[in-house]
Amino acid sequence: MIKSVAMTAVLCLLTASSAFAQAPAAAPASAATMPHKVGLIDMAYIFKNYKKFEDRRESLKADIAQTDEKAKAMAEGLKAIEAELKGGKYKPDSPEYQATEAKGFALKSQFEQFSAKAKRDFLNKESEIYKEVYLECSNAVKQYSEYYKYTLVIRFSRETIDGTEEARELIQGMNNLVIYHNPEFDISDKILVFLNQSYAKTTAANTTGTTTR
């Protein structure tokens, strides 16, 4: 009897172990079952305090200043021609008057084309600056999120409506999608530190490379 019971137990164990061996391995947890970790980032704060964005803007301002000087010189030339025509130096039907007037028309056309092109170029350059910084910030957020297991990062504003009386600012503040947040999940400063440190290293490397040549 004891032998029979022992044999039965052995058979049960063998059957169980065989079934376990044949059973499929447990599937890893799907993304749907993983806990969500949400981060927040103030992009306006990043742009305002990112040294690279500041440097790019200052460089663009310098270019604009140079263009303004050239535009002013052209405008002064136009004024001089207008004064010459109105000063009575030439008779309206004289060849000199007509030649000076034609010169004025040509300079005015040149000035308008120059101004339009300069405005278009600067708008394009400004757009490129914003695009470059935004993409760098997005890439930094991606790396940070993947390392610290954030599943979602939402853009928000740190600005509050406390003490704000202007209607436009009140409306903007009330349109903020984030009503409450735990400061622990605001990753703005961490991203900003990473960006500024990376930019400082790149700038230092470029400066060293230029100096050694």
Protein backbone atom coordinates (compact mmCIF):
# COMPACT_ATOMS: atom_id res chain seq x y z
CA MET A 1 0.00 0.00 0.00
CA ILE A 2 2.80 2.38 0.98
CA LYS A 3 4.66 1.43 -2.19
CA SER A 4 1.56 2.15 -4.27
CA VAL A 5 1.10 5.57 -2.67
CA ALA A 6 4.77 6.39 -3.23
CA MET A 7 4.56 5.41 -6.89
CA THR A 8 1.45 7.56 -7.31
CA ALA A 9 3.24 10.55 -5.77
CA VAL A 10 6.23 10.07 -8.08
CA LEU A 11 3.94 9.90 -11.12
CA CYS A 12 2.17 13.10 -10.04
CA LEU A 13 5.47 14.92 -9.64
CA LEU A 14 6.69 13.72 -13.02
CA THR A 15 3.43 14.82 -14.65
CA ALA A 16 3.56 18.24 -13.00
CA SER A 17 7.18 18.85 -13.94
CA SER A 18 6.49 17.75 -17.51
CA ALA A 19 3.54 20.11 -17.76
CA PHE A 20 5.64 22.98 -16.34
CA ALA A 21 8.38 22.30 -18.89
CA GLN A 22 5.88 22.41 -21.73
CA ALA A 23 4.09 25.54 -20.49
CA PRO A 24 5.09 28.80 -22.29
CA ALA A 25 7.30 31.24 -20.42
CA ALA A 26 5.52 34.13 -18.75
CA ALA A 27 5.23 37.06 -21.14
CA PRO A 28 6.97 40.28 -20.07
CA ALA A 29 4.75 43.06 -18.81
CA SER A 30 3.30 45.02 -21.69
CA ALA A 31 3.53 48.77 -21.98
CA ALA A 32 -0.14 48.94 -21.02
CA THR A 33 0.53 47.29 -17.65
CA MET A 34 3.60 49.41 -16.81
CA PRO A 35 2.99 52.27 -14.35
CA HIS A 36 2.97 55.72 -15.93
CA LYS A 37 5.49 58.33 -14.87
CA VAL A 38 4.63 61.83 -16.04
CA GLY A 39 7.10 64.70 -16.24
CA LEU A 40 6.56 68.42 -16.84
CA ILE A 41 8.73 70.93 -18.68
CA ASP A 42 8.48 74.69 -19.08
CA MET A 43 9.79 75.31 -22.60
CA ALA A 44 9.58 79.10 -22.28
CA TYR A 45 11.83 78.88 -19.22
CA ILE A 46 14.30 76.70 -21.15
CA PHE A 47 14.47 79.11 -24.09
CA LYS A 48 14.89 82.11 -21.80
CA ASN A 49 17.77 80.58 -19.83
CA TYR A 50 19.56 78.43 -22.42
CA LYS A 51 22.90 80.11 -23.13
CA LYS A 52 23.02 78.88 -26.72
CA PHE A 53 19.66 80.46 -27.51
CA GLU A 54 20.86 83.73 -25.98
CA ASP A 55 24.10 83.65 -27.99
CA ARG A 56 22.30 82.89 -31.25
CA ARG A 57 19.88 85.74 -30.65
CA GLU A 58 22.70 88.16 -29.87
CA SER A 59 24.48 87.14 -33.07
CA LEU A 60 21.29 87.75 -35.03
CA LYS A 61 20.89 91.17 -33.40
CA ALA A 62 24.42 92.06 -34.50
CA ASP A 63 23.57 91.07 -38.08
CA ILE A 64 20.40 93.17 -37.92
CA ALA A 65 22.38 96.17 -36.66
CA GLN A 66 24.77 95.92 -39.62
CA THR A 67 21.87 95.68 -42.04
CA ASP A 68 20.19 98.67 -40.42
CA GLU A 69 23.32 100.73 -40.95
CA LYS A 70 23.34 99.87 -44.64
CA ALA A 71 19.61 100.64 -44.91
CA LYS A 72 20.15 104.00 -43.20
CA ALA A 73 22.90 104.87 -45.67
CA MET A 74 20.58 104.05 -48.57
CA ALA A 75 17.79 106.11 -47.00
CA GLU A 76 20.15 109.07 -46.61
CA GLY A 77 21.06 108.75 -50.28
CA LEU A 78 17.37 108.91 -51.20
CA LYS A 79 16.87 112.00 -49.06
CA ALA A 80 19.82 113.68 -50.72
CA ILE A 81 18.42 113.00 -54.19
CA GLU A 82 14.97 114.28 -53.17
CA ALA A 83 16.52 117.45 -51.74
CA GLU A 84 18.49 117.93 -54.93
CA LEU A 85 15.37 117.62 -57.05
CA LYS A 86 13.37 119.98 -54.84
CA GLY A 87 16.16 122.49 -54.42
CA GLY A 88 15.67 124.03 -57.83
CA LYS A 89 19.15 123.11 -59.00
CA TYR A 90 17.74 121.57 -62.17
CA LYS A 91 14.73 122.50 -64.24
CA PRO A 92 12.07 119.71 -64.28
CA ASP A 93 12.42 119.22 -68.02
CA SER A 94 16.22 119.28 -68.07
CA PRO A 95 18.31 116.18 -68.83
CA GLU A 96 20.07 116.62 -65.45
CA TYR A 97 16.76 116.59 -63.58
CA GLN A 98 15.55 113.51 -65.43
CA ALA A 99 18.86 111.70 -64.84
CA THR A 100 18.79 112.53 -61.11
CA GLU A 101 15.13 111.48 -60.88
CA ALA A 102 15.91 108.18 -62.60
CA LYS A 103 18.76 107.65 -60.17
CA GLY A 104 16.34 108.26 -57.30
CA PHE A 105 13.83 105.74 -58.68
CA ALA A 106 16.56 103.13 -59.07
CA LEU A 107 17.85 103.71 -55.55
CA LYS A 108 14.32 103.56 -54.12
CA SER A 109 13.69 100.24 -55.88
CA GLN A 110 17.03 98.92 -54.63
CA PHE A 111 16.20 100.04 -51.09
CA GLU A 112 12.79 98.33 -51.13
CA GLN A 113 14.26 95.08 -52.45
CA PHE A 114 17.07 95.21 -49.90
CA SER A 115 14.64 95.79 -47.02
CA ALA A 116 12.29 93.01 -48.10
CA LYS A 117 15.13 90.51 -48.52
CA ALA A 118 16.70 91.49 -45.19
CA LYS A 119 13.39 91.04 -43.38
CA ARG A 120 12.81 87.65 -45.03
CA ASP A 121 16.35 86.48 -44.25
CA PHE A 122 16.14 87.48 -40.60
CA LEU A 123 12.77 85.78 -40.15
CA ASN A 124 14.24 82.60 -41.64
CA LYS A 125 17.31 82.82 -39.39
CA GLU A 126 15.15 83.39 -36.33
CA SER A 127 12.98 80.41 -37.24
CA GLU A 128 16.10 78.26 -37.60
CA ILE A 129 17.29 79.33 -34.16
CA TYR A 130 13.99 78.37 -32.55
CA LYS A 131 13.89 75.09 -34.46
CA GLU A 132 17.48 74.18 -33.53
CA VAL A 133 16.96 74.88 -29.82
CA TYR A 134 13.58 73.13 -29.74
CA LEU A 135 14.99 69.99 -31.34
CA GLU A 136 17.94 69.96 -28.95
CA CYS A 137 15.58 70.31 -25.99
CA SER A 138 13.30 67.58 -27.33
CA ASN A 139 16.25 65.23 -27.74
CA ALA A 140 17.45 65.97 -24.20
CA VAL A 141 13.96 65.26 -22.86
CA LYS A 142 13.87 61.98 -24.78
CA GLN A 143 17.21 60.84 -23.35
CA TYR A 144 16.26 61.90 -19.82
CA SER A 145 12.84 60.25 -20.05
CA GLU A 146 14.22 56.96 -21.36
CA TYR A 147 16.87 56.85 -18.61
CA TYR A 148 14.52 57.72 -15.75
CA LYS A 149 11.56 55.77 -17.18
CA TYR A 150 9.18 58.66 -17.85
CA THR A 151 6.31 57.55 -20.08
CA LEU A 152 4.99 61.05 -20.79
CA VAL A 153 6.38 64.59 -20.60
CA ILE A 154 3.90 67.46 -20.83
CA ARG A 155 4.68 71.06 -21.66
CA PHE A 156 3.45 73.52 -19.05
CA SER A 157 4.16 76.99 -17.66
CA ARG A 158 5.56 77.73 -14.24
CA GLU A 159 3.98 81.16 -14.34
CA THR A 160 1.00 81.62 -12.03
CA ILE A 161 -1.82 84.16 -12.07
CA ASP A 162 -1.14 85.24 -8.49
CA GLY A 163 -1.00 89.03 -8.45
CA THR A 164 -1.86 89.23 -12.17
CA GLU A 165 -4.50 91.79 -13.07
CA GLU A 166 -4.13 92.13 -16.84
CA ALA A 167 -6.98 90.31 -18.58
CA ARG A 168 -4.81 88.78 -21.33
CA GLU A 169 -2.33 87.33 -18.84
CA LEU A 170 -5.16 86.03 -16.65
CA ILE A 171 -6.74 84.23 -19.60
CA GLN A 172 -3.38 82.73 -20.62
CA GLY A 173 -2.79 81.55 -17.07
CA MET A 174 -6.24 79.99 -16.76
CA ASN A 175 -5.71 78.19 -20.08
CA ASN A 176 -2.72 76.36 -18.64
CA LEU A 177 -3.46 72.64 -18.97
CA VAL A 178 -1.70 71.79 -15.71
CA ILE A 179 -3.72 72.95 -12.71
CA TYR A 180 -1.61 71.25 -10.05
CA HIS A 181 1.71 69.45 -10.13
CA ASN A 182 4.19 67.95 -7.74
CA PRO A 183 7.42 69.97 -8.14
CA GLU A 184 9.32 66.67 -8.07
CA PHE A 185 8.08 65.93 -11.59
CA ASP A 186 9.13 69.29 -13.06
CA ILE A 187 12.24 68.35 -15.03
CA SER A 188 12.85 71.83 -16.51
CA ASP A 189 15.91 72.65 -14.41
CA LYS A 190 17.50 69.26 -15.02
CA ILE A 191 17.08 69.61 -18.78
CA LEU A 192 18.39 73.19 -18.70
CA VAL A 193 21.50 72.18 -16.74
CA PHE A 194 22.19 69.38 -19.22
CA LEU A 195 21.78 71.69 -22.23
CA ASN A 196 23.95 74.46 -20.79
CA GLN A 197 26.69 72.03 -19.76
CA SER A 198 26.68 70.39 -23.19
CA TYR A 199 26.81 73.78 -24.91
CA ALA A 200 29.65 74.95 -22.66
CA LYS A 201 31.68 71.84 -23.55
CA THR A 202 31.04 72.29 -27.26
CA THR A 203 31.95 75.98 -27.11
CA ALA A 204 35.13 75.24 -25.17
CA ALA A 205 36.14 72.52 -27.63
CA ASN A 206 35.52 74.83 -30.62
CA THR A 207 37.48 77.64 -28.96
CA THR A 208 40.41 75.33 -28.21
CA GLY A 209 40.39 73.99 -31.75
CA THR A 210 40.42 77.51 -33.18
CA THR A 211 43.20 78.65 -30.85
CA THR A 212 45.52 75.74 -31.66
CA ARG A 213 45.40 76.37 -35.39
